[in-house]
Protein backbone atom coordinates (compact mmCIF):
# COMPACT_ATOMS: atom_id res chain seq x y z
CA MET A 1 -6.11 -7.26 -9.62
CA VAL A 2 -8.51 -6.62 -12.59
CA VAL A 3 -9.50 -3.15 -11.33
CA LEU A 4 -6.04 -1.97 -9.77
CA SER A 5 -3.75 -3.11 -12.61
CA PRO A 6 -5.11 -0.31 -15.15
CA LEU A 7 -5.03 2.07 -12.23
CA LEU A 8 -1.28 1.40 -11.73
CA ASP A 9 -0.79 1.73 -15.28
CA LEU A 10 -2.40 5.07 -15.75
CA ALA A 11 -0.40 6.38 -12.89
CA ASN A 12 2.72 5.36 -14.55
CA LEU A 13 3.90 2.85 -11.87
CA TYR A 14 4.70 0.09 -14.07
CA LEU A 15 7.50 2.23 -15.56
CA PRO A 16 10.97 3.32 -14.28
CA PRO A 17 12.02 4.31 -11.56
CA PHE A 18 9.15 2.15 -10.12
CA ARG A 19 9.02 -1.84 -10.02
CA ILE A 20 6.32 -3.86 -9.17
CA LYS A 21 6.90 -7.13 -7.02
CA SER A 22 4.59 -9.64 -6.26
CA GLU A 23 3.65 -12.00 -3.26
CA LYS A 24 6.63 -10.89 -0.84
CA SER A 25 6.66 -13.48 2.16
CA ILE A 26 6.66 -11.93 5.59
CA LYS A 27 7.50 -13.48 9.08
CA ILE A 28 7.15 -11.73 12.11
CA SER A 29 7.68 -12.95 15.73
CA LEU A 30 5.29 -10.88 18.23
CA GLU A 31 6.41 -9.90 21.68
CA ASP A 32 3.05 -11.08 23.23
CA GLY A 33 3.89 -15.01 23.66
CA GLY A 34 5.93 -15.51 20.96
CA ILE A 35 3.24 -16.08 18.40
CA ILE A 36 4.81 -16.23 14.79
CA MET A 37 2.62 -14.44 11.94
CA LYS A 38 3.11 -15.20 8.60
CA GLY A 39 1.54 -13.95 5.41
CA LYS A 40 2.14 -12.66 1.85
CA ILE A 41 1.74 -9.29 0.68
CA ASP A 42 -0.03 -9.03 -2.47
CA LEU A 43 2.23 -6.17 -4.15
CA LEU A 44 4.75 -3.78 -3.68
CA VAL A 45 5.46 -0.76 -5.52
CA VAL A 46 9.06 0.09 -5.25
CA SER A 47 11.80 2.50 -6.54
CA GLU A 48 15.46 1.77 -5.88
CA GLN A 49 15.32 1.28 -2.00
CA ILE A 50 12.33 3.16 -1.12
CA LEU A 51 8.88 1.10 -0.53
CA LEU A 52 6.47 3.41 -2.14
CA MET A 53 3.32 1.47 -1.48
CA ALA A 54 2.31 -2.04 -0.23
CA ILE A 55 -0.92 -3.24 -1.64
CA GLU A 56 -3.15 -6.05 0.22
CA SER A 57 -5.84 -7.11 -1.89
CA LYS A 58 -9.09 -9.29 -0.97
CA GLN A 59 -12.07 -10.92 -2.39
CA ALA A 60 -14.98 -8.92 -3.01
CA ALA A 61 -17.06 -10.80 -0.12
CA PHE A 62 -14.48 -9.71 2.52
CA SER A 63 -14.26 -6.42 4.41
CA LEU A 64 -11.39 -4.12 4.08
CA GLU A 65 -10.56 -4.58 7.62
CA VAL A 66 -9.66 -8.19 7.08
CA GLY A 67 -6.22 -6.86 5.59
CA ARG A 68 -5.67 -3.95 7.91
CA SER A 69 -3.20 -5.87 10.38
CA GLN A 70 -1.54 -7.77 7.62
CA LEU A 71 -0.61 -4.50 5.60
CA LEU A 72 0.52 -2.50 8.89
CA THR A 73 2.51 -5.39 9.84
CA TYR A 74 4.25 -5.00 6.38
CA MET A 75 4.42 -1.66 6.60
CA LEU A 76 6.24 -1.53 9.88
CA VAL A 77 8.87 -4.08 9.13
CA ASN A 78 9.86 -1.77 6.09
CA PRO A 79 13.73 -0.86 6.88
CA ASN A 80 13.13 2.50 5.35
CA TYR A 81 12.70 4.93 8.20
CA ASN A 82 13.54 8.24 6.60
CA HIS A 83 10.23 8.36 4.30
CA ALA A 84 6.44 7.44 4.93
CA THR A 85 5.16 4.09 3.81
CA TYR A 86 2.13 3.96 2.02
CA GLY A 87 -0.54 1.07 2.25
CA LEU A 88 -3.45 0.43 0.03
CA ILE A 89 -6.26 -2.46 0.86
CA LEU A 90 -8.57 -3.21 -1.92
CA ASN A 91 -11.28 -5.96 -2.33
CA GLY A 92 -12.37 -4.96 -6.08
CA ASN A 93 -15.02 -2.91 -4.71
CA SER A 94 -13.75 -0.59 -2.45
CA PHE A 95 -10.19 1.10 -1.83
CA ARG A 96 -8.48 2.52 1.31
CA PHE A 97 -5.12 4.41 1.87
CA PHE A 98 -2.88 3.94 4.71
CA LYS A 99 0.20 6.40 5.54
CA LEU A 100 2.58 4.99 8.31
CA VAL A 101 5.43 7.71 9.84
CA LYS A 102 7.79 5.68 11.88
CA GLY A 103 9.64 7.02 14.73
CA GLU A 104 9.76 6.70 18.42
CA THR A 105 6.14 6.16 18.61
CA SER A 106 4.80 4.82 14.81
CA GLN A 107 1.80 6.60 13.89
CA TYR A 108 -0.56 5.92 10.83
CA ALA A 109 -3.39 7.42 9.22
CA VAL A 110 -6.25 5.86 7.18
CA SER A 111 -8.07 7.44 4.24
CA ARG A 112 -11.89 7.22 3.73
CA ILE A 113 -13.18 4.42 1.88
CA PHE A 114 -13.24 4.75 -2.02
CA ASP A 115 -15.86 2.83 -3.50
CA ILE A 116 -16.63 2.29 -7.36
CA PHE A 117 -20.34 2.28 -6.74
CA ASN A 118 -20.39 5.73 -5.10
CA PRO A 119 -22.18 8.44 -7.45
CA GLY A 120 -19.52 9.77 -9.42
CA ASN A 121 -17.41 6.77 -9.24
CA ASP A 122 -14.63 7.24 -6.89
CA LEU A 123 -12.09 5.75 -9.23
CA TYR A 124 -10.82 8.89 -10.39
CA ASP A 125 -9.95 10.04 -6.90
CA VAL A 126 -7.99 6.47 -6.38
CA LEU A 127 -6.13 7.15 -9.45
CA SER A 128 -5.30 10.63 -8.52
CA ILE A 129 -4.05 9.75 -5.16
CA LEU A 130 -1.61 7.11 -6.98
CA LYS A 131 -0.50 9.61 -9.39
CA ASN A 132 0.07 12.11 -6.41
CA LEU A 133 2.31 9.12 -4.43
CA ALA A 134 4.25 8.11 -7.78
CA GLN A 135 4.88 11.78 -8.17
CA GLU A 136 6.05 12.34 -4.48
CA ALA A 137 8.35 9.24 -5.10
CA ARG A 138 9.92 10.83 -7.95
CA ASN A 139 10.48 13.96 -5.92
CA LEU A 140 12.15 11.88 -3.06
CA ILE A 141 14.54 10.11 -5.79
CA ILE A 142 15.54 13.38 -7.08
CA ASN A 143 16.24 15.02 -3.79
CA ASP A 144 18.02 12.03 -2.21
């Protein structure tokens, strides 16, 4: 969060019409064997009824893959069917964005991994993506 918070601030995601919610508890019953999975999503960026982004953070020692299923599960239970849902997994060093489009067959796309230790520092790219997502959400609010 030390790395992410300034980026959210620079992308104006702490300002209206956006709100940051933290530690959202989820409970899902899977069809396969009635297994119940419980977890907490670290941050949500919301505006009115639009879930702009779910953010899952892990410790630097963990791979980004550790949070993939938790993030995608939360994105899938998002009740907003009209718009794509975005996700972000980070571990302090690396960032990966997700986009989920729900439908008869839901599909998701995954970005490349952005790493702060890459030559040129990928934080600028991460900030640019966050700003673009914020602008897209503002356009949705205006057009809805």
